[in-house]
Amino acid sequence: MPALVTALAGATRAGHTTNVSVVDAQGCACVLTTSLGLGTGDFLPGFDLHLNSMLGEVDLHRVPLEPAARMQSMMAPSIALDDDGLALAIGSAGGTRLRTALVGVAAGILDEGLAPVDAVSRPRFHPVGELVNAEPGVEEEGLARLERAGRRVRRWPALHHYFGGVSVVGREGAAGDPRRLRVRRR
């Protein structure tokens, strides 16, 4: 429990979405993603529950809200199983970049056979309308092809927390995203 408290408390100071992916010695997995968006500052009386601010998120708020209808979420804590059991437990923080971060890392591990550390650390890209954001090391030929097709490409100077914060446990080990690493100075 001290490790979970440290993980959740430490991540909360770094951002507003937290993800933890864990697997025990028996192969039981749990992936938890929790988010306040930016947080509203409002608490439900008697429940000590802080309300989130996600109703203003452009990606989520595409159609009028209907009573009793469930609003979509970008959070996607996931567990992948195959004939041998648990193959992957994965989740991410990162707002609208969750999807591209999760798909890229999961595909790296499940389809390309990368170790979790390598899949999480490799450069990422994320499209926003006609703009494609790319970290250094994203395949330049693919980015050039996008530019020739009329897309704008923003090449970031270094890996950046903008591109999400994946935590993953796979058969080859576990990894936490270096993009979310905070250096504490004393």
C-alpha atoms as a PDB file:
ATOM      1  CA  MET A   1       0.000   0.000   0.000  1.00  0.00           C
ATOM      2  CA  PRO A   2       2.804   2.550   0.647  1.00  0.00           C
ATOM      3  CA  ALA A   3       3.872   2.224  -3.024  1.00  0.00           C
ATOM      4  CA  LEU A   4       0.319   2.917  -4.231  1.00  0.00           C
ATOM      5  CA  VAL A   5      -0.026   5.940  -1.947  1.00  0.00           C
ATOM      6  CA  THR A   6       3.326   7.268  -3.150  1.00  0.00           C
ATOM      7  CA  ALA A   7       2.406   6.687  -6.825  1.00  0.00           C
ATOM      8  CA  LEU A   8      -0.976   8.358  -6.592  1.00  0.00           C
ATOM      9  CA  ALA A   9       0.105  11.260  -4.385  1.00  0.00           C
ATOM     10  CA  GLY A  10       3.220  11.937  -6.455  1.00  0.00           C
ATOM     11  CA  ALA A  11       1.351  11.838  -9.759  1.00  0.00           C
ATOM     12  CA  THR A  12      -1.412  14.110  -8.508  1.00  0.00           C
ATOM     13  CA  ARG A  13       1.077  16.918  -7.935  1.00  0.00           C
ATOM     14  CA  ALA A  14       2.422  16.496 -11.474  1.00  0.00           C
ATOM     15  CA  GLY A  15      -0.929  16.704 -13.233  1.00  0.00           C
ATOM     16  CA  HIS A  16      -4.649  16.200 -13.026  1.00  0.00           C
ATOM     17  CA  THR A  17      -4.931  12.691 -14.442  1.00  0.00           C
ATOM     18  CA  THR A  18      -3.318   9.698 -12.779  1.00  0.00           C
ATOM     19  CA  ASN A  19      -2.829   6.188 -14.119  1.00  0.00           C
ATOM     20  CA  VAL A  20      -1.519   3.126 -12.302  1.00  0.00           C
ATOM     21  CA  SER A  21      -1.085  -0.301 -13.939  1.00  0.00           C
ATOM     22  CA  VAL A  22      -0.221  -3.245 -11.656  1.00  0.00           C
ATOM     23  CA  VAL A  23      -0.014  -7.038 -11.903  1.00  0.00           C
ATOM     24  CA  ASP A  24       0.522  -9.358  -8.936  1.00  0.00           C
ATOM     25  CA  ALA A  25       2.560 -12.582  -8.789  1.00  0.00           C
ATOM     26  CA  GLN A  26      -0.515 -14.652  -9.734  1.00  0.00           C
ATOM     27  CA  GLY A  27      -1.100 -12.592 -12.901  1.00  0.00           C
ATOM     28  CA  CYS A  28      -4.096 -10.648 -11.581  1.00  0.00           C
ATOM     29  CA  ALA A  29      -4.088  -7.177 -13.144  1.00  0.00           C
ATOM     30  CA  CYS A  30      -5.642  -3.836 -12.342  1.00  0.00           C
ATOM     31  CA  VAL A  31      -5.413  -0.634 -14.363  1.00  0.00           C
ATOM     32  CA  LEU A  32      -6.828   2.531 -12.814  1.00  0.00           C
ATOM     33  CA  THR A  33      -7.133   5.921 -14.481  1.00  0.00           C
ATOM     34  CA  THR A  34      -8.660   8.787 -12.553  1.00  0.00           C
ATOM     35  CA  SER A  35      -9.027  12.387 -13.648  1.00  0.00           C
ATOM     36  CA  LEU A  36     -10.412  15.652 -12.401  1.00  0.00           C
ATOM     37  CA  GLY A  37      -9.812  17.412 -15.675  1.00  0.00           C
ATOM     38  CA  LEU A  38      -8.797  20.727 -14.190  1.00  0.00           C
ATOM     39  CA  GLY A  39     -10.951  20.140 -11.117  1.00  0.00           C
ATOM     40  CA  THR A  40     -13.912  22.354 -10.269  1.00  0.00           C
ATOM     41  CA  GLY A  41     -13.077  23.053  -6.645  1.00  0.00           C
ATOM     42  CA  ASP A  42     -16.552  21.726  -5.721  1.00  0.00           C
ATOM     43  CA  PHE A  43     -17.056  18.850  -3.281  1.00  0.00           C
ATOM     44  CA  LEU A  44     -20.227  16.803  -2.742  1.00  0.00           C
ATOM     45  CA  PRO A  45     -21.381  17.524   0.830  1.00  0.00           C
ATOM     46  CA  GLY A  46     -21.021  14.502   3.073  1.00  0.00           C
ATOM     47  CA  PHE A  47     -19.072  12.469   0.500  1.00  0.00           C
ATOM     48  CA  ASP A  48     -15.723  14.339   0.307  1.00  0.00           C
ATOM     49  CA  LEU A  49     -15.849  13.758  -3.467  1.00  0.00           C
ATOM     50  CA  HIS A  50     -14.230  16.388  -5.694  1.00  0.00           C
ATOM     51  CA  LEU A  51     -16.172  17.057  -8.927  1.00  0.00           C
ATOM     52  CA  ASN A  52     -14.313  17.184 -12.223  1.00  0.00           C
ATOM     53  CA  SER A  53     -14.437  19.812 -14.958  1.00  0.00           C
ATOM     54  CA  MET A  54     -14.717  17.536 -17.997  1.00  0.00           C
ATOM     55  CA  LEU A  55     -18.012  18.942 -19.320  1.00  0.00           C
ATOM     56  CA  GLY A  56     -16.076  21.684 -21.062  1.00  0.00           C
ATOM     57  CA  GLU A  57     -13.640  19.382 -22.876  1.00  0.00           C
ATOM     58  CA  VAL A  58     -13.964  19.942 -26.621  1.00  0.00           C
ATOM     59  CA  ASP A  59     -13.188  16.301 -27.462  1.00  0.00           C
ATOM     60  CA  LEU A  60     -15.945  15.079 -25.161  1.00  0.00           C
ATOM     61  CA  HIS A  61     -18.617  17.699 -25.693  1.00  0.00           C
ATOM     62  CA  ARG A  62     -19.532  17.081 -29.367  1.00  0.00           C
ATOM     63  CA  VAL A  63     -23.307  16.681 -29.126  1.00  0.00           C
ATOM     64  CA  PRO A  64     -25.864  18.074 -26.695  1.00  0.00           C
ATOM     65  CA  LEU A  65     -25.898  16.211 -23.400  1.00  0.00           C
ATOM     66  CA  GLU A  66     -29.027  14.155 -22.772  1.00  0.00           C
ATOM     67  CA  PRO A  67     -30.406  13.250 -19.338  1.00  0.00           C
ATOM     68  CA  ALA A  68     -29.381   9.732 -18.253  1.00  0.00           C
ATOM     69  CA  ALA A  69     -27.027   9.365 -21.245  1.00  0.00           C
ATOM     70  CA  ARG A  70     -23.431   8.455 -20.570  1.00  0.00           C
ATOM     71  CA  MET A  71     -20.840  10.947 -21.763  1.00  0.00           C
ATOM     72  CA  GLN A  72     -17.866   9.568 -23.696  1.00  0.00           C
ATOM     73  CA  SER A  73     -14.449   9.446 -22.067  1.00  0.00           C
ATOM     74  CA  MET A  74     -10.926   9.452 -23.457  1.00  0.00           C
ATOM     75  CA  MET A  75      -9.672   7.382 -20.522  1.00  0.00           C
ATOM     76  CA  ALA A  76      -9.017   3.838 -21.644  1.00  0.00           C
ATOM     77  CA  PRO A  77      -7.393   1.666 -18.980  1.00  0.00           C
ATOM     78  CA  SER A  78      -7.069  -1.675 -20.761  1.00  0.00           C
ATOM     79  CA  ILE A  79      -6.123  -5.289 -20.224  1.00  0.00           C
ATOM     80  CA  ALA A  80      -5.180  -7.511 -23.181  1.00  0.00           C
ATOM     81  CA  LEU A  81      -5.525 -11.292 -22.918  1.00  0.00           C
ATOM     82  CA  ASP A  82      -4.439 -14.071 -25.250  1.00  0.00           C
ATOM     83  CA  ASP A  83      -4.343 -17.873 -25.104  1.00  0.00           C
ATOM     84  CA  ASP A  84      -1.571 -17.702 -22.483  1.00  0.00           C
ATOM     85  CA  GLY A  85      -3.456 -15.288 -20.220  1.00  0.00           C
ATOM     86  CA  LEU A  86      -2.528 -11.706 -19.440  1.00  0.00           C
ATOM     87  CA  ALA A  87      -0.515 -10.105 -22.246  1.00  0.00           C
ATOM     88  CA  LEU A  88      -0.734  -6.457 -21.229  1.00  0.00           C
ATOM     89  CA  ALA A  89      -2.115  -4.064 -18.592  1.00  0.00           C
ATOM     90  CA  ILE A  90      -1.925  -0.474 -19.858  1.00  0.00           C
ATOM     91  CA  GLY A  91      -3.266   3.009 -19.184  1.00  0.00           C
ATOM     92  CA  SER A  92      -2.272   6.635 -19.611  1.00  0.00           C
ATOM     93  CA  ALA A  93      -2.731  10.206 -18.519  1.00  0.00           C
ATOM     94  CA  GLY A  94      -2.658  12.920 -21.144  1.00  0.00           C
ATOM     95  CA  GLY A  95      -6.061  14.306 -22.119  1.00  0.00           C
ATOM     96  CA  THR A  96      -6.686  14.138 -25.834  1.00  0.00           C
ATOM     97  CA  ARG A  97      -3.299  12.460 -26.371  1.00  0.00           C
ATOM     98  CA  LEU A  98      -4.351   9.346 -24.424  1.00  0.00           C
ATOM     99  CA  ARG A  99      -5.551   7.518 -27.500  1.00  0.00           C
ATOM    100  CA  THR A 100      -2.454   7.967 -29.647  1.00  0.00           C
ATOM    101  CA  ALA A 101      -0.164   7.251 -26.686  1.00  0.00           C
ATOM    102  CA  LEU A 102      -1.998   4.022 -25.788  1.00  0.00           C
ATOM    103  CA  VAL A 103      -2.353   2.760 -29.352  1.00  0.00           C
ATOM    104  CA  GLY A 104       1.314   3.426 -30.130  1.00  0.00           C
ATOM    105  CA  VAL A 105       2.623   1.714 -27.006  1.00  0.00           C
ATOM    106  CA  ALA A 106       0.205  -1.244 -27.160  1.00  0.00           C
ATOM    107  CA  ALA A 107       0.980  -1.821 -30.847  1.00  0.00           C
ATOM    108  CA  GLY A 108       4.699  -1.634 -30.101  1.00  0.00           C
ATOM    109  CA  ILE A 109       4.416  -4.376 -27.490  1.00  0.00           C
ATOM    110  CA  LEU A 110       1.684  -6.618 -28.933  1.00  0.00           C
ATOM    111  CA  ASP A 111       2.363  -6.253 -32.677  1.00  0.00           C
ATOM    112  CA  GLU A 112       6.062  -5.397 -32.893  1.00  0.00           C
ATOM    113  CA  GLY A 113       7.385  -7.360 -29.904  1.00  0.00           C
ATOM    114  CA  LEU A 114       9.031  -4.378 -28.200  1.00  0.00           C
ATOM    115  CA  ALA A 115       9.857  -4.526 -24.499  1.00  0.00           C
ATOM    116  CA  PRO A 116       7.595  -2.215 -22.439  1.00  0.00           C
ATOM    117  CA  VAL A 117      10.427   0.225 -21.672  1.00  0.00           C
ATOM    118  CA  ASP A 118      11.272   0.543 -25.383  1.00  0.00           C
ATOM    119  CA  ALA A 119       7.631   0.915 -26.446  1.00  0.00           C
ATOM    120  CA  VAL A 120       6.917   3.615 -23.836  1.00  0.00           C
ATOM    121  CA  SER A 121      10.145   5.515 -24.548  1.00  0.00           C
ATOM    122  CA  ARG A 122       9.946   5.607 -28.328  1.00  0.00           C
ATOM    123  CA  PRO A 123       8.959   8.888 -30.026  1.00  0.00           C
ATOM    124  CA  ARG A 124       5.257   9.673 -30.440  1.00  0.00           C
ATOM    125  CA  PHE A 125       3.066  11.752 -32.708  1.00  0.00           C
ATOM    126  CA  HIS A 126      -0.417  13.164 -32.259  1.00  0.00           C
ATOM    127  CA  PRO A 127      -2.742  14.755 -34.856  1.00  0.00           C
ATOM    128  CA  VAL A 128      -4.849  17.808 -34.010  1.00  0.00           C
ATOM    129  CA  GLY A 129      -6.977  18.771 -36.992  1.00  0.00           C
ATOM    130  CA  GLU A 130      -4.621  19.417 -39.907  1.00  0.00           C
ATOM    131  CA  LEU A 131      -1.593  19.698 -37.585  1.00  0.00           C
ATOM    132  CA  VAL A 132       0.516  16.685 -36.628  1.00  0.00           C
ATOM    133  CA  ASN A 133       2.699  17.076 -33.532  1.00  0.00           C
ATOM    134  CA  ALA A 134       5.797  14.851 -33.564  1.00  0.00           C
ATOM    135  CA  GLU A 135       8.599  14.150 -31.140  1.00  0.00           C
ATOM    136  CA  PRO A 136      12.175  13.839 -32.438  1.00  0.00           C
ATOM    137  CA  GLY A 137      12.758  10.405 -33.891  1.00  0.00           C
ATOM    138  CA  VAL A 138       9.303   9.918 -35.418  1.00  0.00           C
ATOM    139  CA  GLU A 139       9.870   8.464 -38.896  1.00  0.00           C
ATOM    140  CA  GLU A 140      10.794  11.465 -41.030  1.00  0.00           C
ATOM    141  CA  GLU A 141       9.647   9.841 -44.269  1.00  0.00           C
ATOM    142  CA  GLY A 142       6.121   9.486 -42.883  1.00  0.00           C
ATOM    143  CA  LEU A 143       6.075  13.090 -41.659  1.00  0.00           C
ATOM    144  CA  ALA A 144       7.294  14.341 -45.053  1.00  0.00           C
ATOM    145  CA  ARG A 145       4.542  12.337 -46.761  1.00  0.00           C
ATOM    146  CA  LEU A 146       1.965  14.029 -44.521  1.00  0.00           C
ATOM    147  CA  GLU A 147       3.380  17.443 -45.417  1.00  0.00           C
ATOM    148  CA  ARG A 148       3.212  16.661 -49.137  1.00  0.00           C
ATOM    149  CA  ALA A 149      -0.456  15.743 -48.602  1.00  0.00           C
ATOM    150  CA  GLY A 150      -1.117  19.216 -47.145  1.00  0.00           C
ATOM    151  CA  ARG A 151      -0.803  18.536 -43.401  1.00  0.00           C
ATOM    152  CA  ARG A 152       1.314  20.796 -41.191  1.00  0.00           C
ATOM    153  CA  VAL A 153       3.876  19.066 -38.985  1.00  0.00           C
ATOM    154  CA  ARG A 154       5.170  20.552 -35.736  1.00  0.00           C
ATOM    155  CA  ARG A 155       8.471  18.912 -34.807  1.00  0.00           C
ATOM    156  CA  TRP A 156       9.025  19.130 -31.051  1.00  0.00           C
ATOM    157  CA  PRO A 157      12.649  19.543 -29.849  1.00  0.00           C
ATOM    158  CA  ALA A 158      12.487  16.725 -27.252  1.00  0.00           C
ATOM    159  CA  LEU A 159      10.224  14.096 -25.698  1.00  0.00           C
ATOM    160  CA  HIS A 160       7.448  15.972 -23.889  1.00  0.00           C
ATOM    161  CA  HIS A 161       4.663  15.237 -21.388  1.00  0.00           C
ATOM    162  CA  TYR A 162       2.209  16.684 -23.944  1.00  0.00           C
ATOM    163  CA  PHE A 163       2.288  13.232 -25.594  1.00  0.00           C
ATOM    164  CA  GLY A 164       0.813  11.400 -22.580  1.00  0.00           C
ATOM    165  CA  GLY A 165       2.008   9.424 -19.628  1.00  0.00           C
ATOM    166  CA  VAL A 166       1.714   5.667 -20.206  1.00  0.00           C
ATOM    167  CA  SER A 167       2.137   3.044 -17.505  1.00  0.00           C
ATOM    168  CA  VAL A 168       2.240  -0.555 -18.676  1.00  0.00           C
ATOM    169  CA  VAL A 169       2.935  -4.078 -17.441  1.00  0.00           C
ATOM    170  CA  GLY A 170       3.618  -6.777 -20.020  1.00  0.00           C
ATOM    171  CA  ARG A 171       5.213 -10.215 -20.053  1.00  0.00           C
ATOM    172  CA  GLU A 172       8.619  -8.641 -20.662  1.00  0.00           C
ATOM    173  CA  GLY A 173       8.379  -6.271 -17.699  1.00  0.00           C
ATOM    174  CA  ALA A 174       6.881  -2.927 -16.748  1.00  0.00           C
ATOM    175  CA  ALA A 175       7.453   0.700 -17.704  1.00  0.00           C
ATOM    176  CA  GLY A 176       6.455   4.164 -16.570  1.00  0.00           C
ATOM    177  CA  ASP A 177       6.572   7.070 -18.974  1.00  0.00           C
ATOM    178  CA  PRO A 178       9.790   9.136 -18.791  1.00  0.00           C
ATOM    179  CA  ARG A 179       7.759  12.085 -20.116  1.00  0.00           C
ATOM    180  CA  ARG A 180       6.067  12.379 -16.731  1.00  0.00           C
ATOM    181  CA  LEU A 181       9.235  12.099 -14.670  1.00  0.00           C
ATOM    182  CA  ARG A 182       9.706  15.066 -12.386  1.00  0.00           C
ATOM    183  CA  VAL A 183      13.084  15.948 -11.025  1.00  0.00           C
ATOM    184  CA  ARG A 184      12.841  17.251  -7.488  1.00  0.00           C
ATOM    185  CA  ARG A 185      15.370  19.842  -6.463  1.00  0.00           C
ATOM    186  CA  ARG A 186      16.186  20.394  -2.849  1.00  0.00           C
END
